[in-house]
């Protein structure tokens, strides 16, 4: 887990627009985190996993909690991308 999340930080309140790029660089999910999140979402979406509370993704036990976290990671990245465009 990235240090920013280990310490409970998932965002920042900004007082000036010049801070946006720096904060996005620090708090945005990494490509690896987004890729893993998308893999988790895709795995739970498979017909054979419908209704399951626990599955394996890339050999790791993955629960519905991880699915919700994965959706949040992707949502944060999509929000940053849409605001950066």
PDB file of N, CA and C in Angstrom:
ATOM      1  N   UNK A   1       0.848  -1.175   0.000  1.00  0.00           N
ATOM      2  CA  UNK A   1       0.000   0.000   0.000  1.00  0.00           C
ATOM      3  C   UNK A   1       0.894   1.238   0.000  1.00  0.00           C
ATOM      4  N   UNK A   2       0.564   2.219  -0.837  1.00  0.00           N
ATOM      5  CA  UNK A   2       1.370   3.446  -0.888  1.00  0.00           C
ATOM      6  C   UNK A   2       1.346   4.175   0.448  1.00  0.00           C
ATOM      7  N   UNK A   3       2.448   4.813   0.815  1.00  0.00           N
ATOM      8  CA  UNK A   3       2.509   5.521   2.103  1.00  0.00           C
ATOM      9  C   UNK A   3       1.376   6.511   2.314  1.00  0.00           C
ATOM     10  N   UNK A   4       0.942   7.196   1.266  1.00  0.00           N
ATOM     11  CA  UNK A   4      -0.117   8.194   1.443  1.00  0.00           C
ATOM     12  C   UNK A   4      -1.390   7.546   1.956  1.00  0.00           C
ATOM     13  N   UNK A   5      -1.641   6.281   1.589  1.00  0.00           N
ATOM     14  CA  UNK A   5      -2.836   5.596   2.054  1.00  0.00           C
ATOM     15  C   UNK A   5      -2.617   4.943   3.414  1.00  0.00           C
ATOM     16  N   UNK A   6      -1.397   4.493   3.681  1.00  0.00           N
ATOM     17  CA  UNK A   6      -1.089   3.890   4.972  1.00  0.00           C
ATOM     18  C   UNK A   6      -1.325   4.889   6.101  1.00  0.00           C
ATOM     19  N   UNK A   7      -1.099   6.151   5.838  1.00  0.00           N
ATOM     20  CA  UNK A   7      -1.276   7.184   6.846  1.00  0.00           C
ATOM     21  C   UNK A   7      -2.691   7.762   6.839  1.00  0.00           C
ATOM     22  N   UNK A   8      -3.558   7.230   5.982  1.00  0.00           N
ATOM     23  CA  UNK A   8      -4.941   7.679   5.952  1.00  0.00           C
ATOM     24  C   UNK A   8      -5.208   8.878   5.064  1.00  0.00           C
ATOM     25  N   UNK A   9      -4.236   9.281   4.265  1.00  0.00           N
ATOM     26  CA  UNK A   9      -4.428  10.432   3.390  1.00  0.00           C
ATOM     27  C   UNK A   9      -4.959   9.970   2.041  1.00  0.00           C
ATOM     28  N   UNK A  10      -6.047  10.576   1.591  1.00  0.00           N
ATOM     29  CA  UNK A  10      -6.547  10.241   0.265  1.00  0.00           C
ATOM     30  C   UNK A  10      -6.889  11.487  -0.537  1.00  0.00           C
ATOM     31  N   UNK A  11      -6.534  12.632  -0.022  1.00  0.00           N
ATOM     32  CA  UNK A  11      -6.796  13.866  -0.744  1.00  0.00           C
ATOM     33  C   UNK A  11      -6.280  15.059   0.022  1.00  0.00           C
ATOM     34  N   UNK A  12      -6.508  16.231  -0.530  1.00  0.00           N
ATOM     35  CA  UNK A  12      -5.969  17.451   0.049  1.00  0.00           C
ATOM     36  C   UNK A  12      -6.925  18.592  -0.279  1.00  0.00           C
ATOM     37  N   UNK A  13      -7.068  19.520   0.650  1.00  0.00           N
ATOM     38  CA  UNK A  13      -7.809  20.741   0.389  1.00  0.00           C
ATOM     39  C   UNK A  13      -6.812  21.773  -0.129  1.00  0.00           C
ATOM     40  N   UNK A  14      -7.143  22.379  -1.244  1.00  0.00           N
ATOM     41  CA  UNK A  14      -6.232  23.333  -1.871  1.00  0.00           C
ATOM     42  C   UNK A  14      -6.729  24.752  -1.690  1.00  0.00           C
ATOM     43  N   UNK A  15      -5.774  25.654  -1.579  1.00  0.00           N
ATOM     44  CA  UNK A  15      -6.159  27.059  -1.456  1.00  0.00           C
ATOM     45  C   UNK A  15      -5.765  27.874  -2.681  1.00  0.00           C
ATOM     46  N   UNK A  16      -5.053  27.230  -3.621  1.00  0.00           N
ATOM     47  CA  UNK A  16      -4.648  27.952  -4.823  1.00  0.00           C
ATOM     48  C   UNK A  16      -4.564  26.978  -5.998  1.00  0.00           C
ATOM     49  N   UNK A  17      -5.052  27.380  -7.159  1.00  0.00           N
ATOM     50  CA  UNK A  17      -5.031  26.500  -8.330  1.00  0.00           C
ATOM     51  C   UNK A  17      -3.630  25.999  -8.720  1.00  0.00           C
ATOM     52  N   UNK A  18      -2.586  26.731  -8.361  1.00  0.00           N
ATOM     53  CA  UNK A  18      -1.234  26.292  -8.716  1.00  0.00           C
ATOM     54  C   UNK A  18      -0.839  25.010  -7.980  1.00  0.00           C
ATOM     55  N   UNK A  19      -1.617  24.619  -6.971  1.00  0.00           N
ATOM     56  CA  UNK A  19      -1.308  23.418  -6.190  1.00  0.00           C
ATOM     57  C   UNK A  19      -1.908  22.147  -6.798  1.00  0.00           C
ATOM     58  N   UNK A  20      -2.789  22.288  -7.752  1.00  0.00           N
ATOM     59  CA  UNK A  20      -3.531  21.145  -8.283  1.00  0.00           C
ATOM     60  C   UNK A  20      -2.612  20.094  -8.893  1.00  0.00           C
ATOM     61  N   UNK A  21      -1.716  20.475  -9.777  1.00  0.00           N
ATOM     62  CA  UNK A  21      -0.852  19.491 -10.431  1.00  0.00           C
ATOM     63  C   UNK A  21       0.008  18.728  -9.434  1.00  0.00           C
ATOM     64  N   UNK A  22       0.548  19.438  -8.447  1.00  0.00           N
ATOM     65  CA  UNK A  22       1.383  18.781  -7.439  1.00  0.00           C
ATOM     66  C   UNK A  22       0.560  17.791  -6.628  1.00  0.00           C
ATOM     67  N   UNK A  23      -0.623  18.189  -6.203  1.00  0.00           N
ATOM     68  CA  UNK A  23      -1.465  17.285  -5.408  1.00  0.00           C
ATOM     69  C   UNK A  23      -1.937  16.089  -6.232  1.00  0.00           C
ATOM     70  N   UNK A  24      -2.273  16.319  -7.485  1.00  0.00           N
ATOM     71  CA  UNK A  24      -2.657  15.189  -8.337  1.00  0.00           C
ATOM     72  C   UNK A  24      -1.501  14.220  -8.502  1.00  0.00           C
ATOM     73  N   UNK A  25      -0.293  14.725  -8.631  1.00  0.00           N
ATOM     74  CA  UNK A  25       0.878  13.856  -8.767  1.00  0.00           C
ATOM     75  C   UNK A  25       1.101  13.021  -7.507  1.00  0.00           C
ATOM     76  N   UNK A  26       0.833  13.601  -6.360  1.00  0.00           N
ATOM     77  CA  UNK A  26       1.046  12.905  -5.093  1.00  0.00           C
ATOM     78  C   UNK A  26      -0.087  11.931  -4.777  1.00  0.00           C
ATOM     79  N   UNK A  27      -1.327  12.351  -4.977  1.00  0.00           N
ATOM     80  CA  UNK A  27      -2.466  11.567  -4.538  1.00  0.00           C
ATOM     81  C   UNK A  27      -3.111  10.703  -5.610  1.00  0.00           C
ATOM     82  N   UNK A  28      -2.769  10.894  -6.861  1.00  0.00           N
ATOM     83  CA  UNK A  28      -3.356  10.076  -7.920  1.00  0.00           C
ATOM     84  C   UNK A  28      -2.861   8.637  -7.795  1.00  0.00           C
ATOM     85  N   UNK A  29      -3.724   7.675  -8.090  1.00  0.00           N
ATOM     86  CA  UNK A  29      -3.283   6.282  -8.084  1.00  0.00           C
ATOM     87  C   UNK A  29      -2.216   6.072  -9.156  1.00  0.00           C
ATOM     88  N   UNK A  30      -1.287   5.181  -8.882  1.00  0.00           N
ATOM     89  CA  UNK A  30      -0.255   4.855  -9.865  1.00  0.00           C
ATOM     90  C   UNK A  30      -0.869   4.008 -10.977  1.00  0.00           C
ATOM     91  N   UNK A  31      -0.151   3.887 -12.085  1.00  0.00           N
ATOM     92  CA  UNK A  31      -0.627   3.033 -13.180  1.00  0.00           C
ATOM     93  C   UNK A  31      -0.819   1.605 -12.693  1.00  0.00           C
ATOM     94  N   UNK A  32       0.083   1.142 -11.841  1.00  0.00           N
ATOM     95  CA  UNK A  32      -0.007  -0.212 -11.291  1.00  0.00           C
ATOM     96  C   UNK A  32      -1.273  -0.377 -10.442  1.00  0.00           C
ATOM     97  N   UNK A  33      -1.587   0.631  -9.626  1.00  0.00           N
ATOM     98  CA  UNK A  33      -2.794   0.575  -8.794  1.00  0.00           C
ATOM     99  C   UNK A  33      -4.054   0.566  -9.654  1.00  0.00           C
ATOM    100  N   UNK A  34      -4.064   1.369 -10.700  1.00  0.00           N
ATOM    101  CA  UNK A  34      -5.231   1.425 -11.589  1.00  0.00           C
ATOM    102  C   UNK A  34      -5.374   0.115 -12.347  1.00  0.00           C
ATOM    103  N   UNK A  35      -4.275  -0.432 -12.815  1.00  0.00           N
ATOM    104  CA  UNK A  35      -4.307  -1.707 -13.533  1.00  0.00           C
ATOM    105  C   UNK A  35      -4.836  -2.823 -12.638  1.00  0.00           C
ATOM    106  N   UNK A  36      -4.356  -2.887 -11.417  1.00  0.00           N
ATOM    107  CA  UNK A  36      -4.823  -3.898 -10.453  1.00  0.00           C
ATOM    108  C   UNK A  36      -6.311  -3.681 -10.165  1.00  0.00           C
ATOM    109  N   UNK A  37      -6.714  -2.447  -9.974  1.00  0.00           N
ATOM    110  CA  UNK A  37      -8.119  -2.149  -9.693  1.00  0.00           C
ATOM    111  C   UNK A  37      -9.011  -2.595 -10.848  1.00  0.00           C
ATOM    112  N   UNK A  38      -8.584  -2.329 -12.050  1.00  0.00           N
ATOM    113  CA  UNK A  38      -9.390  -2.733 -13.213  1.00  0.00           C
ATOM    114  C   UNK A  38      -9.454  -4.251 -13.336  1.00  0.00           C
ATOM    115  N   UNK A  39      -8.371  -4.934 -12.963  1.00  0.00           N
ATOM    116  CA  UNK A  39      -8.361  -6.405 -12.983  1.00  0.00           C
ATOM    117  C   UNK A  39      -9.356  -6.956 -11.962  1.00  0.00           C
ATOM    118  N   UNK A  40      -9.412  -6.348 -10.787  1.00  0.00           N
ATOM    119  CA  UNK A  40     -10.348  -6.784  -9.749  1.00  0.00           C
ATOM    120  C   UNK A  40     -11.790  -6.563 -10.218  1.00  0.00           C
ATOM    121  N   UNK A  41     -12.067  -5.398 -10.778  1.00  0.00           N
ATOM    122  CA  UNK A  41     -13.414  -5.092 -11.269  1.00  0.00           C
ATOM    123  C   UNK A  41     -13.815  -6.069 -12.371  1.00  0.00           C
ATOM    124  N   UNK A  42     -12.909  -6.318 -13.289  1.00  0.00           N
ATOM    125  CA  UNK A  42     -13.194  -7.244 -14.394  1.00  0.00           C
ATOM    126  C   UNK A  42     -13.430  -8.666 -13.890  1.00  0.00           C
ATOM    127  N   UNK A  43     -12.650  -9.095 -12.918  1.00  0.00           N
ATOM    128  CA  UNK A  43     -12.791 -10.451 -12.382  1.00  0.00           C
ATOM    129  C   UNK A  43     -14.147 -10.637 -11.706  1.00  0.00           C
ATOM    130  N   UNK A  44     -14.579  -9.668 -10.917  1.00  0.00           N
ATOM    131  CA  UNK A  44     -15.883  -9.782 -10.259  1.00  0.00           C
ATOM    132  C   UNK A  44     -17.027  -9.706 -11.271  1.00  0.00           C
ATOM    133  N   UNK A  45     -16.785  -9.098 -12.426  1.00  0.00           N
ATOM    134  CA  UNK A  45     -17.831  -8.969 -13.446  1.00  0.00           C
ATOM    135  C   UNK A  45     -18.019 -10.236 -14.279  1.00  0.00           C
ATOM    136  N   UNK A  46     -17.087 -11.183 -14.177  1.00  0.00           N
ATOM    137  CA  UNK A  46     -17.207 -12.420 -14.940  1.00  0.00           C
ATOM    138  C   UNK A  46     -18.437 -13.209 -14.491  1.00  0.00           C
ATOM    139  N   UNK A  47     -19.152 -13.814 -15.436  1.00  0.00           N
ATOM    140  CA  UNK A  47     -20.364 -14.569 -15.076  1.00  0.00           C
ATOM    141  C   UNK A  47     -20.120 -15.629 -14.000  1.00  0.00           C
ATOM    142  N   UNK A  48     -18.988 -16.287 -14.041  1.00  0.00           N
ATOM    143  CA  UNK A  48     -18.727 -17.341 -13.058  1.00  0.00           C
ATOM    144  C   UNK A  48     -18.484 -16.800 -11.643  1.00  0.00           C
ATOM    145  N   UNK A  49     -18.284 -15.493 -11.530  1.00  0.00           N
ATOM    146  CA  UNK A  49     -18.058 -14.889 -10.216  1.00  0.00           C
ATOM    147  C   UNK A  49     -19.262 -14.114  -9.695  1.00  0.00           C
ATOM    148  N   UNK A  50     -20.341 -14.112 -10.450  1.00  0.00           N
ATOM    149  CA  UNK A  50     -21.548 -13.400 -10.034  1.00  0.00           C
ATOM    150  C   UNK A  50     -22.040 -13.926  -8.694  1.00  0.00           C
ATOM    151  N   UNK A  51     -22.258 -13.025  -7.771  1.00  0.00           N
ATOM    152  CA  UNK A  51     -22.787 -13.396  -6.463  1.00  0.00           C
ATOM    153  C   UNK A  51     -21.761 -13.892  -5.472  1.00  0.00           C
ATOM    154  N   UNK A  52     -20.525 -14.031  -5.881  1.00  0.00           N
ATOM    155  CA  UNK A  52     -19.489 -14.507  -4.970  1.00  0.00           C
ATOM    156  C   UNK A  52     -18.959 -13.357  -4.119  1.00  0.00           C
ATOM    157  N   UNK A  53     -18.631 -13.660  -2.887  1.00  0.00           N
ATOM    158  CA  UNK A  53     -18.073 -12.668  -1.985  1.00  0.00           C
ATOM    159  C   UNK A  53     -16.561 -12.680  -1.957  1.00  0.00           C
ATOM    160  N   UNK A  54     -15.977 -13.799  -2.397  1.00  0.00           N
ATOM    161  CA  UNK A  54     -14.522 -13.948  -2.402  1.00  0.00           C
ATOM    162  C   UNK A  54     -14.123 -14.693  -3.667  1.00  0.00           C
ATOM    163  N   UNK A  55     -13.132 -14.163  -4.361  1.00  0.00           N
ATOM    164  CA  UNK A  55     -12.584 -14.825  -5.543  1.00  0.00           C
ATOM    165  C   UNK A  55     -11.063 -14.680  -5.517  1.00  0.00           C
ATOM    166  N   UNK A  56     -10.400 -15.336  -6.456  1.00  0.00           N
ATOM    167  CA  UNK A  56      -8.962 -15.138  -6.612  1.00  0.00           C
ATOM    168  C   UNK A  56      -8.712 -14.265  -7.832  1.00  0.00           C
ATOM    169  N   UNK A  57      -7.861 -13.272  -7.653  1.00  0.00           N
ATOM    170  CA  UNK A  57      -7.440 -12.411  -8.751  1.00  0.00           C
ATOM    171  C   UNK A  57      -5.924 -12.440  -8.756  1.00  0.00           C
ATOM    172  N   UNK A  58      -5.356 -12.904  -9.845  1.00  0.00           N
ATOM    173  CA  UNK A  58      -3.902 -13.035  -9.954  1.00  0.00           C
ATOM    174  C   UNK A  58      -3.336 -13.842  -8.781  1.00  0.00           C
ATOM    175  N   UNK A  59      -4.060 -14.885  -8.388  1.00  0.00           N
ATOM    176  CA  UNK A  59      -3.592 -15.772  -7.335  1.00  0.00           C
ATOM    177  C   UNK A  59      -3.773 -15.259  -5.920  1.00  0.00           C
ATOM    178  N   UNK A  60      -4.418 -14.113  -5.764  1.00  0.00           N
ATOM    179  CA  UNK A  60      -4.618 -13.530  -4.434  1.00  0.00           C
ATOM    180  C   UNK A  60      -6.102 -13.538  -4.071  1.00  0.00           C
ATOM    181  N   UNK A  61      -6.395 -13.856  -2.808  1.00  0.00           N
ATOM    182  CA  UNK A  61      -7.764 -13.804  -2.340  1.00  0.00           C
ATOM    183  C   UNK A  61      -8.255 -12.355  -2.408  1.00  0.00           C
ATOM    184  N   UNK A  62      -9.415 -12.181  -3.015  1.00  0.00           N
ATOM    185  CA  UNK A  62      -9.966 -10.850  -3.223  1.00  0.00           C
ATOM    186  C   UNK A  62     -11.429 -10.862  -2.802  1.00  0.00           C
ATOM    187  N   UNK A  63     -11.782  -9.945  -1.908  1.00  0.00           N
ATOM    188  CA  UNK A  63     -13.134  -9.892  -1.361  1.00  0.00           C
ATOM    189  C   UNK A  63     -13.903  -8.702  -1.933  1.00  0.00           C
ATOM    190  N   UNK A  64     -15.190  -8.661  -1.611  1.00  0.00           N
ATOM    191  CA  UNK A  64     -16.026  -7.546  -2.075  1.00  0.00           C
ATOM    192  C   UNK A  64     -15.496  -6.207  -1.587  1.00  0.00           C
ATOM    193  N   UNK A  65     -14.874  -6.179  -0.417  1.00  0.00           N
ATOM    194  CA  UNK A  65     -14.239  -4.958   0.076  1.00  0.00           C
ATOM    195  C   UNK A  65     -13.202  -4.460  -0.927  1.00  0.00           C
ATOM    196  N   UNK A  66     -12.436  -5.374  -1.494  1.00  0.00           N
ATOM    197  CA  UNK A  66     -11.418  -5.007  -2.474  1.00  0.00           C
ATOM    198  C   UNK A  66     -12.060  -4.485  -3.757  1.00  0.00           C
ATOM    199  N   UNK A  67     -13.219  -5.030  -4.096  1.00  0.00           N
ATOM    200  CA  UNK A  67     -13.943  -4.542  -5.271  1.00  0.00           C
ATOM    201  C   UNK A  67     -14.345  -3.087  -5.058  1.00  0.00           C
ATOM    202  N   UNK A  68     -14.861  -2.764  -3.879  1.00  0.00           N
ATOM    203  CA  UNK A  68     -15.253  -1.388  -3.597  1.00  0.00           C
ATOM    204  C   UNK A  68     -14.046  -0.454  -3.611  1.00  0.00           C
ATOM    205  N   UNK A  69     -12.924  -0.914  -3.064  1.00  0.00           N
ATOM    206  CA  UNK A  69     -11.697  -0.113  -3.095  1.00  0.00           C
ATOM    207  C   UNK A  69     -11.234   0.081  -4.532  1.00  0.00           C
ATOM    208  N   UNK A  70     -11.343  -0.966  -5.346  1.00  0.00           N
ATOM    209  CA  UNK A  70     -10.933  -0.881  -6.745  1.00  0.00           C
ATOM    210  C   UNK A  70     -11.785   0.142  -7.500  1.00  0.00           C
ATOM    211  N   UNK A  71     -13.072   0.120  -7.242  1.00  0.00           N
ATOM    212  CA  UNK A  71     -13.959   1.094  -7.894  1.00  0.00           C
ATOM    213  C   UNK A  71     -13.582   2.522  -7.495  1.00  0.00           C
ATOM    214  N   UNK A  72     -13.197   2.705  -6.244  1.00  0.00           N
ATOM    215  CA  UNK A  72     -12.794   4.029  -5.772  1.00  0.00           C
ATOM    216  C   UNK A  72     -11.502   4.483  -6.459  1.00  0.00           C
ATOM    217  N   UNK A  73     -10.544   3.574  -6.603  1.00  0.00           N
ATOM    218  CA  UNK A  73      -9.276   3.903  -7.269  1.00  0.00           C
ATOM    219  C   UNK A  73      -9.547   4.360  -8.705  1.00  0.00           C
ATOM    220  N   UNK A  74     -10.363   3.607  -9.410  1.00  0.00           N
ATOM    221  CA  UNK A  74     -10.674   3.955 -10.803  1.00  0.00           C
ATOM    222  C   UNK A  74     -11.444   5.277 -10.856  1.00  0.00           C
ATOM    223  N   UNK A  75     -12.364   5.492  -9.940  1.00  0.00           N
ATOM    224  CA  UNK A  75     -13.135   6.743  -9.926  1.00  0.00           C
ATOM    225  C   UNK A  75     -12.225   7.946  -9.689  1.00  0.00           C
ATOM    226  N   UNK A  76     -11.276   7.814  -8.785  1.00  0.00           N
ATOM    227  CA  UNK A  76     -10.340   8.915  -8.519  1.00  0.00           C
ATOM    228  C   UNK A  76      -9.521   9.210  -9.774  1.00  0.00           C
ATOM    229  N   UNK A  77      -9.025   8.170 -10.421  1.00  0.00           N
ATOM    230  CA  UNK A  77      -8.202   8.378 -11.618  1.00  0.00           C
ATOM    231  C   UNK A  77      -9.025   9.013 -12.738  1.00  0.00           C
ATOM    232  N   UNK A  78     -10.242   8.534 -12.918  1.00  0.00           N
ATOM    233  CA  UNK A  78     -11.101   9.096 -13.967  1.00  0.00           C
ATOM    234  C   UNK A  78     -11.438  10.567 -13.672  1.00  0.00           C
ATOM    235  N   UNK A  79     -11.649  10.903 -12.414  1.00  0.00           N
ATOM    236  CA  UNK A  79     -11.944  12.293 -12.052  1.00  0.00           C
ATOM    237  C   UNK A  79     -10.740  13.182 -12.349  1.00  0.00           C
ATOM    238  N   UNK A  80      -9.558  12.716 -11.992  1.00  0.00           N
ATOM    239  CA  UNK A  80      -8.352  13.494 -12.261  1.00  0.00           C
ATOM    240  C   UNK A  80      -8.158  13.672 -13.762  1.00  0.00           C
ATOM    241  N   UNK A  81      -8.354  12.588 -14.512  1.00  0.00           N
ATOM    242  CA  UNK A  81      -8.185  12.660 -15.968  1.00  0.00           C
ATOM    243  C   UNK A  81      -9.202  13.611 -16.600  1.00  0.00           C
ATOM    244  N   UNK A  82     -10.440  13.569 -16.119  1.00  0.00           N
ATOM    245  CA  UNK A  82     -11.468  14.432 -16.720  1.00  0.00           C
ATOM    246  C   UNK A  82     -11.209  15.903 -16.404  1.00  0.00           C
ATOM    247  N   UNK A  83     -10.694  16.175 -15.233  1.00  0.00           N
ATOM    248  CA  UNK A  83     -10.402  17.563 -14.871  1.00  0.00           C
ATOM    249  C   UNK A  83      -9.118  18.079 -15.526  1.00  0.00           C
ATOM    250  N   UNK A  84      -8.233  17.147 -15.884  1.00  0.00           N
ATOM    251  CA  UNK A  84      -6.978  17.529 -16.507  1.00  0.00           C
ATOM    252  C   UNK A  84      -7.128  17.757 -18.002  1.00  0.00           C
ATOM    253  N   UNK A  85      -8.207  17.230 -18.581  1.00  0.00           N
ATOM    254  CA  UNK A  85      -8.408  17.319 -20.030  1.00  0.00           C
ATOM    255  C   UNK A  85      -8.826  18.713 -20.449  1.00  0.00           C
TER     256      UNK A  85
END
